[in-house]
Amino acid sequence: MTVVTKTAMPTDNAALAPSFRARRPVDLSLLDSASGAFTSATPEILRTQDPSELSLPELDGVLDHGAKVFWQYMRPEGRPSFTFGLLRDMKASIDHLTRLFAERGQSEVPVRYTVMASRMPGIFNLGGDLRRFADLIRAQDRTTLDRYAKACIDVQYPRSINMNLPIVSISLVQGDALGGGFEAALADDVIIAEKSAKFGLPECLFNLFPGMGALSFLTRKIGAPLAEKMVFSGQIYSAEELHQMGVVDVLADDGMGEQAVYDFVEKTERSFASRRSVYAARQIINPIRREELDRIVDMWVDAALTLTPADIRKMERLASAQDRRWAQITGVAAR
């Protein structure tokens, strides 16, 4: 386990540290741990004297006490996708945040903003593990597919309603957000993306569909016709294109994503209460319901189990392309 001191910045880009530090001196807590776990068991949470600190095998928890921003950095083991372990840790982080509010009561609000981000260079998240899906579909393993699907909704639903807490949720996308990675970003109130970020829903390319919230979130944000067009196309969109469509809320220069988050927080600080109320009103006007997400993900499992051998081969070709992309990125990062 590596413990980063409270003077550390919530970014791996050392070149940004001086300007970012000058922009907003912050009091940070970060514990970083690594594990090869790929199970749905409850993770061991390592605590320090600061009860707001959190250490998980596939998720780094960072709390900026001064700005009341809770950063959650994804760091899945193996492929840059939603592993069972990452889903488990995201659920544990949700529970941790809920406990923080319960312990502080009405006297002190511990967090005003949550930020979902990634430790993976050039990648936010590539979604489901397509190779594992292919194996499960060939084996007609409904039980494991259903367990995975429900684990996704166990995370997506509470995130989509901000755990019923008085917070504003942000996704910071620095790199590729594909499939379930895009869906994860859509669950938050605000998407801040660096200009080089890419977004896409490739599932229809192998005769499936995005089942973990894409249609629910996009339909509410840009309307059903455009949402369905995005899903059917399988197209990769740039951050700028989605900004023009109203899907991405804030564009940031490359390498300046964390700074853009703090700029957004500072710019909207005086209107926090009204902004939070507007985002909460969305859930009243056009609510996301657990039943809706469960029914759609059940359809996803049914559809996955009907894929033909040709469909599965297409899935595996896309997985190979993603593997090459990941190898290229990690090879550059290691130099």
C-alpha atoms as a PDB file:
ATOM      1  CA  MET A   1       0.000   0.000   0.000  1.00  0.00           C
ATOM      2  CA  THR A   2       1.213   3.462  -0.864  1.00  0.00           C
ATOM      3  CA  VAL A   3       0.091   6.413   1.233  1.00  0.00           C
ATOM      4  CA  VAL A   4       0.204   9.777  -0.506  1.00  0.00           C
ATOM      5  CA  THR A   5       0.529  12.746   1.822  1.00  0.00           C
ATOM      6  CA  LYS A   6      -2.057  15.475   2.300  1.00  0.00           C
ATOM      7  CA  THR A   7      -0.058  17.842   0.118  1.00  0.00           C
ATOM      8  CA  ALA A   8      -0.488  15.574  -2.903  1.00  0.00           C
ATOM      9  CA  MET A   9      -2.611  16.666  -5.837  1.00  0.00           C
ATOM     10  CA  PRO A  10      -5.469  14.580  -7.275  1.00  0.00           C
ATOM     11  CA  THR A  11      -3.662  14.041 -10.574  1.00  0.00           C
ATOM     12  CA  ASP A  12      -0.891  11.834 -11.883  1.00  0.00           C
ATOM     13  CA  ASN A  13       0.397  14.543 -14.209  1.00  0.00           C
ATOM     14  CA  ALA A  14       3.394  16.018 -12.456  1.00  0.00           C
ATOM     15  CA  ALA A  15       3.666  18.807 -14.973  1.00  0.00           C
ATOM     16  CA  LEU A  16       0.344  20.201 -13.817  1.00  0.00           C
ATOM     17  CA  ALA A  17       1.158  20.170 -10.124  1.00  0.00           C
ATOM     18  CA  PRO A  18       2.647  23.667  -9.770  1.00  0.00           C
ATOM     19  CA  SER A  19      -0.159  25.542 -11.545  1.00  0.00           C
ATOM     20  CA  PHE A  20      -2.865  23.383  -9.985  1.00  0.00           C
ATOM     21  CA  ARG A  21      -1.368  23.792  -6.528  1.00  0.00           C
ATOM     22  CA  ALA A  22      -1.240  27.557  -7.004  1.00  0.00           C
ATOM     23  CA  ARG A  23      -4.827  27.577  -8.199  1.00  0.00           C
ATOM     24  CA  ARG A  24      -6.281  26.042  -5.052  1.00  0.00           C
ATOM     25  CA  PRO A  25      -4.253  24.825  -2.079  1.00  0.00           C
ATOM     26  CA  VAL A  26      -6.152  21.798  -0.845  1.00  0.00           C
ATOM     27  CA  ASP A  27      -6.159  19.376   2.042  1.00  0.00           C
ATOM     28  CA  LEU A  28      -6.274  15.925   0.526  1.00  0.00           C
ATOM     29  CA  SER A  29      -6.462  12.369   1.795  1.00  0.00           C
ATOM     30  CA  LEU A  30      -5.503   9.453  -0.446  1.00  0.00           C
ATOM     31  CA  LEU A  31      -4.796   5.830   0.205  1.00  0.00           C
ATOM     32  CA  ASP A  32      -3.795   3.647  -2.714  1.00  0.00           C
ATOM     33  CA  SER A  33      -3.810  -0.134  -2.621  1.00  0.00           C
ATOM     34  CA  ALA A  34      -3.644  -2.898  -5.182  1.00  0.00           C
ATOM     35  CA  SER A  35      -5.137  -6.381  -5.295  1.00  0.00           C
ATOM     36  CA  GLY A  36      -5.746  -9.093  -7.830  1.00  0.00           C
ATOM     37  CA  ALA A  37      -9.254  -9.752  -6.546  1.00  0.00           C
ATOM     38  CA  PHE A  38     -11.946 -10.422  -9.151  1.00  0.00           C
ATOM     39  CA  THR A  39     -14.850 -11.355  -6.916  1.00  0.00           C
ATOM     40  CA  SER A  40     -18.054  -9.817  -5.660  1.00  0.00           C
ATOM     41  CA  ALA A  41     -17.059 -10.220  -2.011  1.00  0.00           C
ATOM     42  CA  THR A  42     -17.116  -7.207   0.268  1.00  0.00           C
ATOM     43  CA  PRO A  43     -13.684  -5.523   0.081  1.00  0.00           C
ATOM     44  CA  GLU A  44     -11.565  -4.852   3.118  1.00  0.00           C
ATOM     45  CA  ILE A  45     -11.658  -1.131   3.847  1.00  0.00           C
ATOM     46  CA  LEU A  46      -8.496   0.197   5.420  1.00  0.00           C
ATOM     47  CA  ARG A  47      -9.059   3.211   7.633  1.00  0.00           C
ATOM     48  CA  THR A  48      -6.695   5.791   9.097  1.00  0.00           C
ATOM     49  CA  GLN A  49      -7.225   8.407  11.774  1.00  0.00           C
ATOM     50  CA  ASP A  50      -9.251  10.409   9.251  1.00  0.00           C
ATOM     51  CA  PRO A  51     -12.611   8.581   8.997  1.00  0.00           C
ATOM     52  CA  SER A  52     -13.247  10.065   5.568  1.00  0.00           C
ATOM     53  CA  GLU A  53     -10.272   8.219   4.074  1.00  0.00           C
ATOM     54  CA  LEU A  54     -11.004   5.109   2.060  1.00  0.00           C
ATOM     55  CA  SER A  55      -8.766   2.452   0.523  1.00  0.00           C
ATOM     56  CA  LEU A  56     -10.116  -0.112  -1.930  1.00  0.00           C
ATOM     57  CA  PRO A  57      -8.411  -2.617  -4.249  1.00  0.00           C
ATOM     58  CA  GLU A  58      -9.635  -1.134  -7.561  1.00  0.00           C
ATOM     59  CA  LEU A  59     -10.694   2.389  -6.631  1.00  0.00           C
ATOM     60  CA  ASP A  60      -8.687   5.274  -5.162  1.00  0.00           C
ATOM     61  CA  GLY A  61     -10.664   7.516  -2.809  1.00  0.00           C
ATOM     62  CA  VAL A  62      -9.532  11.140  -2.470  1.00  0.00           C
ATOM     63  CA  LEU A  63     -11.236  13.749  -0.316  1.00  0.00           C
ATOM     64  CA  ASP A  64     -10.479  17.445  -0.748  1.00  0.00           C
ATOM     65  CA  HIS A  65     -11.632  18.652   2.658  1.00  0.00           C
ATOM     66  CA  GLY A  66     -11.413  22.338   1.778  1.00  0.00           C
ATOM     67  CA  ALA A  67     -13.470  22.241  -1.408  1.00  0.00           C
ATOM     68  CA  LYS A  68     -15.626  19.318  -0.173  1.00  0.00           C
ATOM     69  CA  VAL A  69     -14.917  17.373  -3.361  1.00  0.00           C
ATOM     70  CA  PHE A  70     -14.796  13.576  -3.132  1.00  0.00           C
ATOM     71  CA  TRP A  71     -12.708  12.144  -5.991  1.00  0.00           C
ATOM     72  CA  GLN A  72     -13.138   8.527  -7.043  1.00  0.00           C
ATOM     73  CA  TYR A  73     -10.442   7.243  -9.392  1.00  0.00           C
ATOM     74  CA  MET A  74     -11.135   3.950 -11.162  1.00  0.00           C
ATOM     75  CA  ARG A  75      -8.183   1.584 -11.350  1.00  0.00           C
ATOM     76  CA  PRO A  76      -9.467  -1.884 -12.360  1.00  0.00           C
ATOM     77  CA  GLU A  77      -7.147  -4.878 -12.297  1.00  0.00           C
ATOM     78  CA  GLY A  78      -6.310  -6.270 -15.736  1.00  0.00           C
ATOM     79  CA  ARG A  79      -8.365  -4.865 -18.597  1.00  0.00           C
ATOM     80  CA  PRO A  80      -9.512  -1.202 -18.376  1.00  0.00           C
ATOM     81  CA  SER A  81     -13.136  -2.225 -17.993  1.00  0.00           C
ATOM     82  CA  PHE A  82     -15.833  -2.744 -15.378  1.00  0.00           C
ATOM     83  CA  THR A  83     -14.547  -5.798 -13.560  1.00  0.00           C
ATOM     84  CA  PHE A  84     -16.524  -7.422 -10.775  1.00  0.00           C
ATOM     85  CA  GLY A  85     -13.908  -6.000  -8.431  1.00  0.00           C
ATOM     86  CA  LEU A  86     -14.326  -2.433  -9.644  1.00  0.00           C
ATOM     87  CA  LEU A  87     -18.113  -2.684  -9.395  1.00  0.00           C
ATOM     88  CA  ARG A  88     -17.758  -4.025  -5.857  1.00  0.00           C
ATOM     89  CA  ASP A  89     -15.468  -1.131  -4.917  1.00  0.00           C
ATOM     90  CA  MET A  90     -17.746   1.468  -6.501  1.00  0.00           C
ATOM     91  CA  LYS A  91     -20.629   0.101  -4.427  1.00  0.00           C
ATOM     92  CA  ALA A  92     -18.440   0.217  -1.310  1.00  0.00           C
ATOM     93  CA  SER A  93     -17.552   3.834  -2.104  1.00  0.00           C
ATOM     94  CA  ILE A  94     -21.252   4.692  -2.420  1.00  0.00           C
ATOM     95  CA  ASP A  95     -21.928   3.090   0.968  1.00  0.00           C
ATOM     96  CA  HIS A  96     -18.947   4.932   2.476  1.00  0.00           C
ATOM     97  CA  LEU A  97     -20.218   8.287   1.243  1.00  0.00           C
ATOM     98  CA  THR A  98     -23.691   7.569   2.622  1.00  0.00           C
ATOM     99  CA  ARG A  99     -22.172   6.710   6.006  1.00  0.00           C
ATOM    100  CA  LEU A 100     -20.164   9.949   6.030  1.00  0.00           C
ATOM    101  CA  PHE A 101     -23.385  11.952   5.752  1.00  0.00           C
ATOM    102  CA  ALA A 102     -25.157   9.823   8.351  1.00  0.00           C
ATOM    103  CA  GLU A 103     -22.294  10.234  10.836  1.00  0.00           C
ATOM    104  CA  ARG A 104     -22.013  14.021  10.383  1.00  0.00           C
ATOM    105  CA  GLY A 105     -25.752  14.614  10.607  1.00  0.00           C
ATOM    106  CA  GLN A 106     -27.236  18.012   9.746  1.00  0.00           C
ATOM    107  CA  SER A 107     -24.481  19.990  11.456  1.00  0.00           C
ATOM    108  CA  GLU A 108     -21.782  19.514   8.838  1.00  0.00           C
ATOM    109  CA  VAL A 109     -21.922  18.562   5.160  1.00  0.00           C
ATOM    110  CA  PRO A 110     -18.795  16.461   4.469  1.00  0.00           C
ATOM    111  CA  VAL A 111     -19.057  16.509   0.651  1.00  0.00           C
ATOM    112  CA  ARG A 112     -20.715  18.793  -1.874  1.00  0.00           C
ATOM    113  CA  TYR A 113     -19.347  17.333  -5.097  1.00  0.00           C
ATOM    114  CA  THR A 114     -18.369  13.824  -6.156  1.00  0.00           C
ATOM    115  CA  VAL A 115     -16.086  13.256  -9.136  1.00  0.00           C
ATOM    116  CA  MET A 116     -15.732   9.955 -10.984  1.00  0.00           C
ATOM    117  CA  ALA A 117     -12.419   9.818 -12.846  1.00  0.00           C
ATOM    118  CA  SER A 118      -9.780   7.328 -13.959  1.00  0.00           C
ATOM    119  CA  ARG A 119      -6.192   6.448 -13.110  1.00  0.00           C
ATOM    120  CA  MET A 120      -5.827   4.694 -16.485  1.00  0.00           C
ATOM    121  CA  PRO A 121      -3.857   6.875 -18.923  1.00  0.00           C
ATOM    122  CA  GLY A 122      -5.900   7.753 -21.991  1.00  0.00           C
ATOM    123  CA  ILE A 123      -8.901   5.698 -20.887  1.00  0.00           C
ATOM    124  CA  PHE A 124     -11.883   6.534 -18.698  1.00  0.00           C
ATOM    125  CA  ASN A 125     -13.367   3.054 -19.001  1.00  0.00           C
ATOM    126  CA  LEU A 126     -14.004   0.682 -21.926  1.00  0.00           C
ATOM    127  CA  GLY A 127     -17.146  -0.803 -20.381  1.00  0.00           C
ATOM    128  CA  GLY A 128     -17.770  -4.524 -19.992  1.00  0.00           C
ATOM    129  CA  ASP A 129     -15.014  -7.116 -20.412  1.00  0.00           C
ATOM    130  CA  LEU A 130     -15.933  -8.329 -23.901  1.00  0.00           C
ATOM    131  CA  ARG A 131     -13.700 -11.393 -23.825  1.00  0.00           C
ATOM    132  CA  ARG A 132     -15.280 -12.544 -20.591  1.00  0.00           C
ATOM    133  CA  PHE A 133     -18.735 -11.854 -22.033  1.00  0.00           C
ATOM    134  CA  ALA A 134     -17.893 -13.990 -25.079  1.00  0.00           C
ATOM    135  CA  ASP A 135     -16.873 -16.908 -22.870  1.00  0.00           C
ATOM    136  CA  LEU A 136     -20.000 -16.609 -20.730  1.00  0.00           C
ATOM    137  CA  ILE A 137     -22.282 -16.421 -23.777  1.00  0.00           C
ATOM    138  CA  ARG A 138     -20.674 -19.476 -25.395  1.00  0.00           C
ATOM    139  CA  ALA A 139     -21.168 -21.350 -22.113  1.00  0.00           C
ATOM    140  CA  GLN A 140     -24.754 -20.022 -21.858  1.00  0.00           C
ATOM    141  CA  ASP A 141     -23.892 -18.977 -18.295  1.00  0.00           C
ATOM    142  CA  ARG A 142     -26.988 -16.938 -17.478  1.00  0.00           C
ATOM    143  CA  THR A 143     -26.243 -16.948 -13.750  1.00  0.00           C
ATOM    144  CA  THR A 144     -22.930 -15.095 -14.040  1.00  0.00           C
ATOM    145  CA  LEU A 145     -24.187 -12.717 -16.732  1.00  0.00           C
ATOM    146  CA  ASP A 146     -27.195 -11.869 -14.582  1.00  0.00           C
ATOM    147  CA  ARG A 147     -25.009 -11.373 -11.499  1.00  0.00           C
ATOM    148  CA  TYR A 148     -22.743  -9.021 -13.451  1.00  0.00           C
ATOM    149  CA  ALA A 149     -25.690  -7.083 -14.890  1.00  0.00           C
ATOM    150  CA  LYS A 150     -27.308  -6.625 -11.483  1.00  0.00           C
ATOM    151  CA  ALA A 151     -23.957  -5.554  -9.996  1.00  0.00           C
ATOM    152  CA  CYS A 152     -23.849  -2.794 -12.628  1.00  0.00           C
ATOM    153  CA  ILE A 153     -27.334  -1.582 -11.713  1.00  0.00           C
ATOM    154  CA  ASP A 154     -26.503  -1.762  -8.006  1.00  0.00           C
ATOM    155  CA  VAL A 155     -23.959   0.967  -8.818  1.00  0.00           C
ATOM    156  CA  GLN A 156     -25.696   2.860 -11.620  1.00  0.00           C
ATOM    157  CA  TYR A 157     -29.018   3.411  -9.887  1.00  0.00           C
ATOM    158  CA  PRO A 158     -27.782   5.017  -6.645  1.00  0.00           C
ATOM    159  CA  ARG A 159     -25.307   7.108  -8.649  1.00  0.00           C
ATOM    160  CA  SER A 160     -28.106   8.319 -10.934  1.00  0.00           C
ATOM    161  CA  ILE A 161     -30.066   9.642  -7.934  1.00  0.00           C
ATOM    162  CA  ASN A 162     -26.943  10.864  -6.070  1.00  0.00           C
ATOM    163  CA  MET A 163     -27.717   8.418  -3.267  1.00  0.00           C
ATOM    164  CA  ASN A 164     -30.471  10.901  -2.291  1.00  0.00           C
ATOM    165  CA  LEU A 165     -27.732  13.093  -0.820  1.00  0.00           C
ATOM    166  CA  PRO A 166     -27.379  16.907  -1.182  1.00  0.00           C
ATOM    167  CA  ILE A 167     -24.521  16.695  -3.683  1.00  0.00           C
ATOM    168  CA  VAL A 168     -23.699  17.447  -7.311  1.00  0.00           C
ATOM    169  CA  SER A 169     -22.073  14.541  -9.151  1.00  0.00           C
ATOM    170  CA  ILE A 170     -19.464  14.983 -11.882  1.00  0.00           C
ATOM    171  CA  SER A 171     -17.739  12.612 -14.281  1.00  0.00           C
ATOM    172  CA  LEU A 172     -14.325  13.738 -15.487  1.00  0.00           C
ATOM    173  CA  VAL A 173     -13.562  11.959 -18.767  1.00  0.00           C
ATOM    174  CA  GLN A 174      -9.917  11.983 -19.831  1.00  0.00           C
ATOM    175  CA  GLY A 175      -9.625   9.482 -22.680  1.00  0.00           C
ATOM    176  CA  ASP A 176     -11.916   6.804 -24.074  1.00  0.00           C
ATOM    177  CA  ALA A 177     -15.372   6.216 -22.543  1.00  0.00           C
ATOM    178  CA  LEU A 178     -16.950   3.325 -24.428  1.00  0.00           C
ATOM    179  CA  GLY A 179     -19.994   1.183 -23.749  1.00  0.00           C
ATOM    180  CA  GLY A 180     -20.472   0.914 -20.000  1.00  0.00           C
ATOM    181  CA  GLY A 181     -17.801   3.570 -19.506  1.00  0.00           C
ATOM    182  CA  PHE A 182     -19.970   6.067 -21.363  1.00  0.00           C
ATOM    183  CA  GLU A 183     -23.007   4.862 -19.418  1.00  0.00           C
ATOM    184  CA  ALA A 184     -21.182   5.426 -16.127  1.00  0.00           C
ATOM    185  CA  ALA A 185     -20.453   9.038 -17.080  1.00  0.00           C
ATOM    186  CA  LEU A 186     -24.068   9.587 -18.129  1.00  0.00           C
ATOM    187  CA  ALA A 187     -25.280   8.640 -14.630  1.00  0.00           C
ATOM    188  CA  ASP A 188     -23.760  11.823 -13.168  1.00  0.00           C
ATOM    189  CA  ASP A 189     -25.241  15.336 -13.161  1.00  0.00           C
ATOM    190  CA  VAL A 190     -22.331  16.894 -15.077  1.00  0.00           C
ATOM    191  CA  ILE A 191     -19.843  15.541 -17.607  1.00  0.00           C
ATOM    192  CA  ILE A 192     -16.545  17.405 -17.910  1.00  0.00           C
ATOM    193  CA  ALA A 193     -14.402  16.045 -20.744  1.00  0.00           C
ATOM    194  CA  GLU A 194     -10.988  16.835 -22.103  1.00  0.00           C
ATOM    195  CA  LYS A 195     -11.054  17.667 -25.813  1.00  0.00           C
ATOM    196  CA  SER A 196      -9.288  14.463 -26.879  1.00  0.00           C
ATOM    197  CA  ALA A 197     -11.831  12.257 -25.073  1.00  0.00           C
ATOM    198  CA  LYS A 198     -13.813   9.816 -27.196  1.00  0.00           C
ATOM    199  CA  PHE A 199     -17.271   8.405 -26.473  1.00  0.00           C
ATOM    200  CA  GLY A 200     -19.177   5.559 -28.066  1.00  0.00           C
ATOM    201  CA  LEU A 201     -21.723   2.776 -27.679  1.00  0.00           C
ATOM    202  CA  PRO A 202     -20.399  -0.067 -29.866  1.00  0.00           C
ATOM    203  CA  GLU A 203     -22.785  -2.814 -28.711  1.00  0.00           C
ATOM    204  CA  CYS A 204     -24.976  -2.769 -31.831  1.00  0.00           C
ATOM    205  CA  LEU A 205     -21.907  -3.619 -33.923  1.00  0.00           C
ATOM    206  CA  PHE A 206     -22.138  -7.157 -32.538  1.00  0.00           C
ATOM    207  CA  ASN A 207     -25.956  -7.280 -32.402  1.00  0.00           C
ATOM    208  CA  LEU A 208     -26.365  -6.324 -28.741  1.00  0.00           C
ATOM    209  CA  PHE A 209     -27.398  -3.031 -27.124  1.00  0.00           C
ATOM    210  CA  PRO A 210     -26.132  -0.942 -24.199  1.00  0.00           C
ATOM    211  CA  GLY A 211     -28.120  -2.237 -21.230  1.00  0.00           C
ATOM    212  CA  MET A 212     -26.680  -0.410 -18.233  1.00  0.00           C
ATOM    213  CA  GLY A 213     -28.492   2.908 -18.547  1.00  0.00           C
ATOM    214  CA  ALA A 214     -27.462   4.512 -21.838  1.00  0.00           C
ATOM    215  CA  LEU A 215     -30.954   4.655 -23.331  1.00  0.00           C
ATOM    216  CA  SER A 216     -32.516   5.806 -20.048  1.00  0.00           C
ATOM    217  CA  PHE A 217     -30.006   8.603 -19.486  1.00  0.00           C
ATOM    218  CA  LEU A 218     -29.607   9.754 -23.097  1.00  0.00           C
ATOM    219  CA  THR A 219     -33.357   9.764 -23.768  1.00  0.00           C
ATOM    220  CA  ARG A 220     -33.869  12.095 -20.828  1.00  0.00           C
ATOM    221  CA  LYS A 221     -30.975  14.300 -21.870  1.00  0.00           C
ATOM    222  CA  ILE A 222     -31.310  14.621 -25.670  1.00  0.00           C
ATOM    223  CA  GLY A 223     -34.583  12.885 -26.552  1.00  0.00           C
ATOM    224  CA  ALA A 224     -35.404   9.380 -27.773  1.00  0.00           C
ATOM    225  CA  PRO A 225     -34.781   9.828 -31.540  1.00  0.00           C
ATOM    226  CA  LEU A 226     -31.239  11.157 -31.086  1.00  0.00           C
ATOM    227  CA  ALA A 227     -30.480   8.685 -28.286  1.00  0.00           C
ATOM    228  CA  GLU A 228     -31.535   5.758 -30.460  1.00  0.00           C
ATOM    229  CA  LYS A 229     -29.566   7.140 -33.419  1.00  0.00           C
ATOM    230  CA  MET A 230     -26.426   7.184 -31.266  1.00  0.00           C
ATOM    231  CA  VAL A 231     -27.024   3.615 -30.099  1.00  0.00           C
ATOM    232  CA  PHE A 232     -27.784   2.202 -33.547  1.00  0.00           C
ATOM    233  CA  SER A 233     -24.834   3.919 -35.220  1.00  0.00           C
ATOM    234  CA  GLY A 234     -22.070   2.487 -33.032  1.00  0.00           C
ATOM    235  CA  GLN A 235     -20.259   5.711 -33.912  1.00  0.00           C
ATOM    236  CA  ILE A 236     -17.355   7.137 -31.939  1.00  0.00           C
ATOM    237  CA  TYR A 237     -18.026  10.758 -30.935  1.00  0.00           C
ATOM    238  CA  SER A 238     -15.520  13.398 -29.946  1.00  0.00           C
ATOM    239  CA  ALA A 239     -15.978  15.407 -26.765  1.00  0.00           C
ATOM    240  CA  GLU A 240     -16.596  18.499 -28.878  1.00  0.00           C
ATOM    241  CA  GLU A 241     -19.376  16.774 -30.851  1.00  0.00           C
ATOM    242  CA  LEU A 242     -21.127  15.685 -27.664  1.00  0.00           C
ATOM    243  CA  HIS A 243     -20.665  19.157 -26.200  1.00  0.00           C
ATOM    244  CA  GLN A 244     -22.529  20.596 -29.181  1.00  0.00           C
ATOM    245  CA  MET A 245     -25.280  17.988 -28.663  1.00  0.00           C
ATOM    246  CA  GLY A 246     -25.615  18.852 -24.977  1.00  0.00           C
ATOM    247  CA  VAL A 247     -24.297  15.536 -23.639  1.00  0.00           C
ATOM    248  CA  VAL A 248     -20.947  16.897 -22.448  1.00  0.00           C
ATOM    249  CA  ASP A 249     -21.403  19.932 -20.205  1.00  0.00           C
ATOM    250  CA  VAL A 250     -17.861  21.334 -20.000  1.00  0.00           C
ATOM    251  CA  LEU A 251     -14.925  21.016 -22.392  1.00  0.00           C
ATOM    252  CA  ALA A 252     -11.396  21.136 -20.989  1.00  0.00           C
ATOM    253  CA  ASP A 253      -8.033  21.379 -22.675  1.00  0.00           C
ATOM    254  CA  ASP A 254      -6.079  18.148 -22.625  1.00  0.00           C
ATOM    255  CA  GLY A 255      -4.252  17.644 -19.350  1.00  0.00           C
ATOM    256  CA  MET A 256      -6.390  20.248 -17.594  1.00  0.00           C
ATOM    257  CA  GLY A 257      -9.346  18.103 -16.573  1.00  0.00           C
ATOM    258  CA  GLU A 258      -8.821  18.347 -12.803  1.00  0.00           C
ATOM    259  CA  GLN A 259      -8.333  22.088 -13.123  1.00  0.00           C
ATOM    260  CA  ALA A 260     -11.601  22.294 -15.074  1.00  0.00           C
ATOM    261  CA  VAL A 261     -13.392  20.522 -12.228  1.00  0.00           C
ATOM    262  CA  TYR A 262     -12.153  23.082  -9.720  1.00  0.00           C
ATOM    263  CA  ASP A 263     -12.973  25.933 -12.099  1.00  0.00           C
ATOM    264  CA  PHE A 264     -16.518  24.552 -12.373  1.00  0.00           C
ATOM    265  CA  VAL A 265     -16.814  24.241  -8.588  1.00  0.00           C
ATOM    266  CA  GLU A 266     -15.553  27.793  -8.067  1.00  0.00           C
ATOM    267  CA  LYS A 267     -17.701  29.247 -10.835  1.00  0.00           C
ATOM    268  CA  THR A 268     -20.886  27.603  -9.550  1.00  0.00           C
ATOM    269  CA  GLU A 269     -20.184  27.882  -5.818  1.00  0.00           C
ATOM    270  CA  ARG A 270     -22.614  30.749  -5.192  1.00  0.00           C
ATOM    271  CA  SER A 271     -25.376  28.983  -7.084  1.00  0.00           C
ATOM    272  CA  PHE A 272     -24.731  25.543  -5.590  1.00  0.00           C
ATOM    273  CA  ALA A 273     -28.104  25.298  -3.844  1.00  0.00           C
ATOM    274  CA  SER A 274     -30.116  26.243  -6.914  1.00  0.00           C
ATOM    275  CA  ARG A 275     -28.009  24.070  -9.210  1.00  0.00           C
ATOM    276  CA  ARG A 276     -28.368  21.066  -6.926  1.00  0.00           C
ATOM    277  CA  SER A 277     -32.122  21.668  -6.738  1.00  0.00           C
ATOM    278  CA  VAL A 278     -32.431  21.795 -10.521  1.00  0.00           C
ATOM    279  CA  TYR A 279     -30.549  18.503 -10.874  1.00  0.00           C
ATOM    280  CA  ALA A 280     -32.738  16.965  -8.160  1.00  0.00           C
ATOM    281  CA  ALA A 281     -35.855  18.265  -9.927  1.00  0.00           C
ATOM    282  CA  ARG A 282     -34.919  16.202 -12.964  1.00  0.00           C
ATOM    283  CA  GLN A 283     -35.553  13.119 -10.870  1.00  0.00           C
ATOM    284  CA  ILE A 284     -39.029  14.406 -10.006  1.00  0.00           C
ATOM    285  CA  ILE A 285     -39.949  15.525 -13.524  1.00  0.00           C
ATOM    286  CA  ASN A 286     -38.629  12.461 -15.327  1.00  0.00           C
ATOM    287  CA  PRO A 287     -37.475  10.007 -12.667  1.00  0.00           C
ATOM    288  CA  ILE A 288     -34.977   7.205 -13.141  1.00  0.00           C
ATOM    289  CA  ARG A 289     -36.469   4.188 -11.398  1.00  0.00           C
ATOM    290  CA  ARG A 290     -34.698   1.034 -10.299  1.00  0.00           C
ATOM    291  CA  GLU A 291     -37.449  -1.050 -11.879  1.00  0.00           C
ATOM    292  CA  GLU A 292     -36.768   0.546 -15.276  1.00  0.00           C
ATOM    293  CA  LEU A 293     -33.048  -0.199 -15.136  1.00  0.00           C
ATOM    294  CA  ASP A 294     -33.672  -3.758 -13.904  1.00  0.00           C
ATOM    295  CA  ARG A 295     -36.109  -4.540 -16.713  1.00  0.00           C
ATOM    296  CA  ILE A 296     -33.742  -3.198 -19.361  1.00  0.00           C
ATOM    297  CA  VAL A 297     -30.754  -5.085 -17.987  1.00  0.00           C
ATOM    298  CA  ASP A 298     -32.840  -8.303 -17.925  1.00  0.00           C
ATOM    299  CA  MET A 299     -33.499  -7.706 -21.633  1.00  0.00           C
ATOM    300  CA  TRP A 300     -29.737  -7.243 -22.094  1.00  0.00           C
ATOM    301  CA  VAL A 301     -29.005 -10.646 -20.538  1.00  0.00           C
ATOM    302  CA  ASP A 302     -31.674 -12.317 -22.682  1.00  0.00           C
ATOM    303  CA  ALA A 303     -30.298 -10.655 -25.824  1.00  0.00           C
ATOM    304  CA  ALA A 304     -26.701 -11.560 -24.990  1.00  0.00           C
ATOM    305  CA  LEU A 305     -27.566 -15.249 -24.668  1.00  0.00           C
ATOM    306  CA  THR A 306     -29.075 -15.267 -28.181  1.00  0.00           C
ATOM    307  CA  LEU A 307     -25.957 -13.953 -29.945  1.00  0.00           C
ATOM    308  CA  THR A 308     -24.791 -16.121 -32.819  1.00  0.00           C
ATOM    309  CA  PRO A 309     -21.233 -17.412 -33.275  1.00  0.00           C
ATOM    310  CA  ALA A 310     -20.743 -14.686 -35.894  1.00  0.00           C
ATOM    311  CA  ASP A 311     -21.883 -12.017 -33.417  1.00  0.00           C
ATOM    312  CA  ILE A 312     -19.501 -13.359 -30.773  1.00  0.00           C
ATOM    313  CA  ARG A 313     -16.602 -13.270 -33.247  1.00  0.00           C
ATOM    314  CA  LYS A 314     -17.376  -9.595 -33.930  1.00  0.00           C
ATOM    315  CA  MET A 315     -17.355  -8.972 -30.172  1.00  0.00           C
ATOM    316  CA  GLU A 316     -13.963 -10.634 -29.901  1.00  0.00           C
ATOM    317  CA  ARG A 317     -12.550  -8.611 -32.800  1.00  0.00           C
ATOM    318  CA  LEU A 318     -13.581  -5.434 -30.992  1.00  0.00           C
ATOM    319  CA  ALA A 319     -12.004  -6.815 -27.801  1.00  0.00           C
ATOM    320  CA  SER A 320      -8.770  -7.406 -29.735  1.00  0.00           C
ATOM    321  CA  ALA A 321      -8.817  -3.823 -30.982  1.00  0.00           C
ATOM    322  CA  GLN A 322      -9.304  -2.602 -27.421  1.00  0.00           C
ATOM    323  CA  ASP A 323      -6.439  -4.830 -26.248  1.00  0.00           C
ATOM    324  CA  ARG A 324      -4.135  -3.292 -28.864  1.00  0.00           C
ATOM    325  CA  ARG A 325      -5.207   0.181 -27.805  1.00  0.00           C
ATOM    326  CA  TRP A 326      -4.537  -0.629 -24.138  1.00  0.00           C
ATOM    327  CA  ALA A 327      -1.159  -2.201 -24.947  1.00  0.00           C
ATOM    328  CA  GLN A 328      -0.193   0.882 -26.925  1.00  0.00           C
ATOM    329  CA  ILE A 329      -1.187   3.200 -24.088  1.00  0.00           C
ATOM    330  CA  THR A 330       0.453   1.183 -21.316  1.00  0.00           C
ATOM    331  CA  GLY A 331       3.576   0.752 -23.413  1.00  0.00           C
ATOM    332  CA  VAL A 332       3.867   4.528 -23.833  1.00  0.00           C
ATOM    333  CA  ALA A 333       3.085   5.137 -20.151  1.00  0.00           C
ATOM    334  CA  ALA A 334       5.805   2.698 -19.061  1.00  0.00           C
ATOM    335  CA  ARG A 335       8.548   4.497 -20.992  1.00  0.00           C
END
